[in-house]
Amino acid sequence: MAGSARARGGLALDEASFPAGFHYLPGYFDDDAQLAIANEVRELLAAAPLFTQTMPKTGAPLSVRMSNAGEFGWVTDREGGYRYQRTHPASGKSWFVALTSYGSIFRRDR
């Protein structure tokens, strides 16, 4: 098929089938780069472990666990509602900031 590629696992992917503005970039990161990203995510999760957010007002848990990276992280809980804050809600430590291995994908000059 013209304009298509095969992902690992044999699934045929065609960039035309994705929503406008979505970019499918097979092979953008080689195996070494993918390993570096995975290792950096492991570092992130060691520094800012996954946690379960809760709904404002009800305190019902959200269905996913999450973490954040950067100067601010998105959090929500019964007491404070939806917000961005500088610290992990469970540990009180600053969020992990040093995610750099895949930053090139966000630059327009790639």
C-alpha atoms as a PDB file:
ATOM      1  CA  MET A   1       0.000   0.000   0.000  1.00  0.00           C
ATOM      2  CA  ALA A   2       1.351   3.388  -0.893  1.00  0.00           C
ATOM      3  CA  GLY A   3       1.896   5.745   2.052  1.00  0.00           C
ATOM      4  CA  SER A   4       1.584   3.033   4.668  1.00  0.00           C
ATOM      5  CA  ALA A   5       3.967   1.309   7.011  1.00  0.00           C
ATOM      6  CA  ARG A   6       3.913  -1.773   9.186  1.00  0.00           C
ATOM      7  CA  ALA A   7       4.317  -1.288  12.898  1.00  0.00           C
ATOM      8  CA  ARG A   8       5.795  -3.974  15.093  1.00  0.00           C
ATOM      9  CA  GLY A   9       3.204  -6.667  15.499  1.00  0.00           C
ATOM     10  CA  GLY A  10       2.136  -6.485  11.846  1.00  0.00           C
ATOM     11  CA  LEU A  11      -0.557  -3.805  12.184  1.00  0.00           C
ATOM     12  CA  ALA A  12      -0.791  -1.793   8.969  1.00  0.00           C
ATOM     13  CA  LEU A  13      -0.733   1.933   9.689  1.00  0.00           C
ATOM     14  CA  ASP A  14      -1.492   4.602   7.140  1.00  0.00           C
ATOM     15  CA  GLU A  15      -0.827   8.246   8.026  1.00  0.00           C
ATOM     16  CA  ALA A  16      -3.914   9.282   6.049  1.00  0.00           C
ATOM     17  CA  SER A  17      -6.093   7.409   8.567  1.00  0.00           C
ATOM     18  CA  PHE A  18      -4.964   9.599  11.480  1.00  0.00           C
ATOM     19  CA  PRO A  19      -6.717  12.861  12.450  1.00  0.00           C
ATOM     20  CA  ALA A  20      -5.553  16.142  10.901  1.00  0.00           C
ATOM     21  CA  GLY A  21      -2.432  17.442  12.615  1.00  0.00           C
ATOM     22  CA  PHE A  22      -1.323  14.000  13.811  1.00  0.00           C
ATOM     23  CA  HIS A  23       2.103  12.938  12.570  1.00  0.00           C
ATOM     24  CA  TYR A  24       3.053   9.272  12.367  1.00  0.00           C
ATOM     25  CA  LEU A  25       6.842   9.034  12.345  1.00  0.00           C
ATOM     26  CA  PRO A  26       7.918   5.387  12.099  1.00  0.00           C
ATOM     27  CA  GLY A  27      11.618   4.984  12.711  1.00  0.00           C
ATOM     28  CA  TYR A  28      12.043   8.528  14.069  1.00  0.00           C
ATOM     29  CA  PHE A  29      13.746   7.091  17.155  1.00  0.00           C
ATOM     30  CA  ASP A  30      16.194   4.247  16.559  1.00  0.00           C
ATOM     31  CA  ASP A  31      16.507   1.396  19.082  1.00  0.00           C
ATOM     32  CA  ASP A  32      19.141   3.220  21.160  1.00  0.00           C
ATOM     33  CA  ALA A  33      17.020   6.365  21.357  1.00  0.00           C
ATOM     34  CA  GLN A  34      13.956   4.336  22.367  1.00  0.00           C
ATOM     35  CA  LEU A  35      15.973   2.669  25.120  1.00  0.00           C
ATOM     36  CA  ALA A  36      17.163   6.090  26.341  1.00  0.00           C
ATOM     37  CA  ILE A  37      13.549   7.317  26.477  1.00  0.00           C
ATOM     38  CA  ALA A  38      12.425   4.212  28.393  1.00  0.00           C
ATOM     39  CA  ASN A  39      15.266   4.672  30.886  1.00  0.00           C
ATOM     40  CA  GLU A  40      14.405   8.326  31.361  1.00  0.00           C
ATOM     41  CA  VAL A  41      10.750   7.464  32.004  1.00  0.00           C
ATOM     42  CA  ARG A  42      11.915   4.914  34.609  1.00  0.00           C
ATOM     43  CA  GLU A  43      13.940   7.685  36.290  1.00  0.00           C
ATOM     44  CA  LEU A  44      10.905   9.954  36.205  1.00  0.00           C
ATOM     45  CA  LEU A  45       8.702   7.318  37.853  1.00  0.00           C
ATOM     46  CA  ALA A  46      11.321   6.626  40.521  1.00  0.00           C
ATOM     47  CA  ALA A  47      11.465  10.335  41.366  1.00  0.00           C
ATOM     48  CA  ALA A  48       7.726  11.021  40.944  1.00  0.00           C
ATOM     49  CA  PRO A  49       5.866   7.714  41.430  1.00  0.00           C
ATOM     50  CA  LEU A  50       2.474   6.999  39.933  1.00  0.00           C
ATOM     51  CA  PHE A  51      -0.401   8.110  42.147  1.00  0.00           C
ATOM     52  CA  THR A  52      -4.188   8.046  42.002  1.00  0.00           C
ATOM     53  CA  GLN A  53      -5.934  11.383  41.707  1.00  0.00           C
ATOM     54  CA  THR A  54      -9.415  11.947  43.123  1.00  0.00           C
ATOM     55  CA  MET A  55     -12.420  13.898  41.924  1.00  0.00           C
ATOM     56  CA  PRO A  56     -13.175  17.281  43.419  1.00  0.00           C
ATOM     57  CA  LYS A  57     -16.146  17.261  45.816  1.00  0.00           C
ATOM     58  CA  THR A  58     -16.759  13.474  45.797  1.00  0.00           C
ATOM     59  CA  GLY A  59     -13.209  12.243  46.382  1.00  0.00           C
ATOM     60  CA  ALA A  60     -13.904   9.324  44.028  1.00  0.00           C
ATOM     61  CA  PRO A  61     -10.652   7.986  42.550  1.00  0.00           C
ATOM     62  CA  LEU A  62      -9.893   8.575  38.883  1.00  0.00           C
ATOM     63  CA  SER A  63      -9.588   5.395  36.827  1.00  0.00           C
ATOM     64  CA  VAL A  64      -5.885   5.875  36.042  1.00  0.00           C
ATOM     65  CA  ARG A  65      -2.702   6.377  37.994  1.00  0.00           C
ATOM     66  CA  MET A  66      -0.398   9.090  36.729  1.00  0.00           C
ATOM     67  CA  SER A  67       2.703  11.152  37.293  1.00  0.00           C
ATOM     68  CA  ASN A  68       3.948  14.470  35.941  1.00  0.00           C
ATOM     69  CA  ALA A  69       7.214  15.928  34.708  1.00  0.00           C
ATOM     70  CA  GLY A  70       8.241  19.544  34.519  1.00  0.00           C
ATOM     71  CA  GLU A  71       8.053  22.558  36.745  1.00  0.00           C
ATOM     72  CA  PHE A  72       4.320  22.093  37.387  1.00  0.00           C
ATOM     73  CA  GLY A  73       2.133  18.978  37.434  1.00  0.00           C
ATOM     74  CA  TRP A  74      -1.619  18.630  36.967  1.00  0.00           C
ATOM     75  CA  VAL A  75      -3.380  17.301  40.055  1.00  0.00           C
ATOM     76  CA  THR A  76      -6.889  17.009  41.390  1.00  0.00           C
ATOM     77  CA  ASP A  77      -8.272  16.049  44.761  1.00  0.00           C
ATOM     78  CA  ARG A  78     -11.310  16.500  46.938  1.00  0.00           C
ATOM     79  CA  GLU A  79      -9.894  19.426  48.906  1.00  0.00           C
ATOM     80  CA  GLY A  80      -8.185  21.488  46.216  1.00  0.00           C
ATOM     81  CA  GLY A  81      -9.992  20.598  43.004  1.00  0.00           C
ATOM     82  CA  TYR A  82      -8.264  20.742  39.612  1.00  0.00           C
ATOM     83  CA  ARG A  83      -4.987  22.651  39.528  1.00  0.00           C
ATOM     84  CA  TYR A  84      -1.314  22.737  38.627  1.00  0.00           C
ATOM     85  CA  GLN A  85       1.183  22.542  41.457  1.00  0.00           C
ATOM     86  CA  ARG A  86       4.941  22.407  41.862  1.00  0.00           C
ATOM     87  CA  THR A  87       5.069  19.304  44.058  1.00  0.00           C
ATOM     88  CA  HIS A  88       4.055  15.645  43.958  1.00  0.00           C
ATOM     89  CA  PRO A  89       0.945  15.243  46.138  1.00  0.00           C
ATOM     90  CA  ALA A  90       2.185  12.125  47.950  1.00  0.00           C
ATOM     91  CA  SER A  91       5.893  12.874  48.432  1.00  0.00           C
ATOM     92  CA  GLY A  92       5.806  16.680  48.544  1.00  0.00           C
ATOM     93  CA  LYS A  93       8.927  16.724  46.330  1.00  0.00           C
ATOM     94  CA  SER A  94       9.334  18.816  43.183  1.00  0.00           C
ATOM     95  CA  TRP A  95       8.386  17.111  39.930  1.00  0.00           C
ATOM     96  CA  PHE A  96      11.104  15.426  37.873  1.00  0.00           C
ATOM     97  CA  VAL A  97      12.255  17.978  35.296  1.00  0.00           C
ATOM     98  CA  ALA A  98      15.082  16.417  33.279  1.00  0.00           C
ATOM     99  CA  LEU A  99      13.175  14.774  30.412  1.00  0.00           C
ATOM    100  CA  THR A 100      15.456  15.503  27.483  1.00  0.00           C
ATOM    101  CA  SER A 101      15.976  12.362  25.406  1.00  0.00           C
ATOM    102  CA  TYR A 102      12.917  12.864  23.222  1.00  0.00           C
ATOM    103  CA  GLY A 103      12.632  16.659  23.165  1.00  0.00           C
ATOM    104  CA  SER A 104      13.679  16.846  19.511  1.00  0.00           C
ATOM    105  CA  ILE A 105      10.326  15.487  18.404  1.00  0.00           C
ATOM    106  CA  PHE A 106       8.643  18.695  19.607  1.00  0.00           C
ATOM    107  CA  ARG A 107      10.897  21.053  17.654  1.00  0.00           C
ATOM    108  CA  ARG A 108       9.712  22.273  14.285  1.00  0.00           C
ATOM    109  CA  ASP A 109      13.224  22.050  12.771  1.00  0.00           C
ATOM    110  CA  ARG A 110      13.316  18.260  12.872  1.00  0.00           C
END
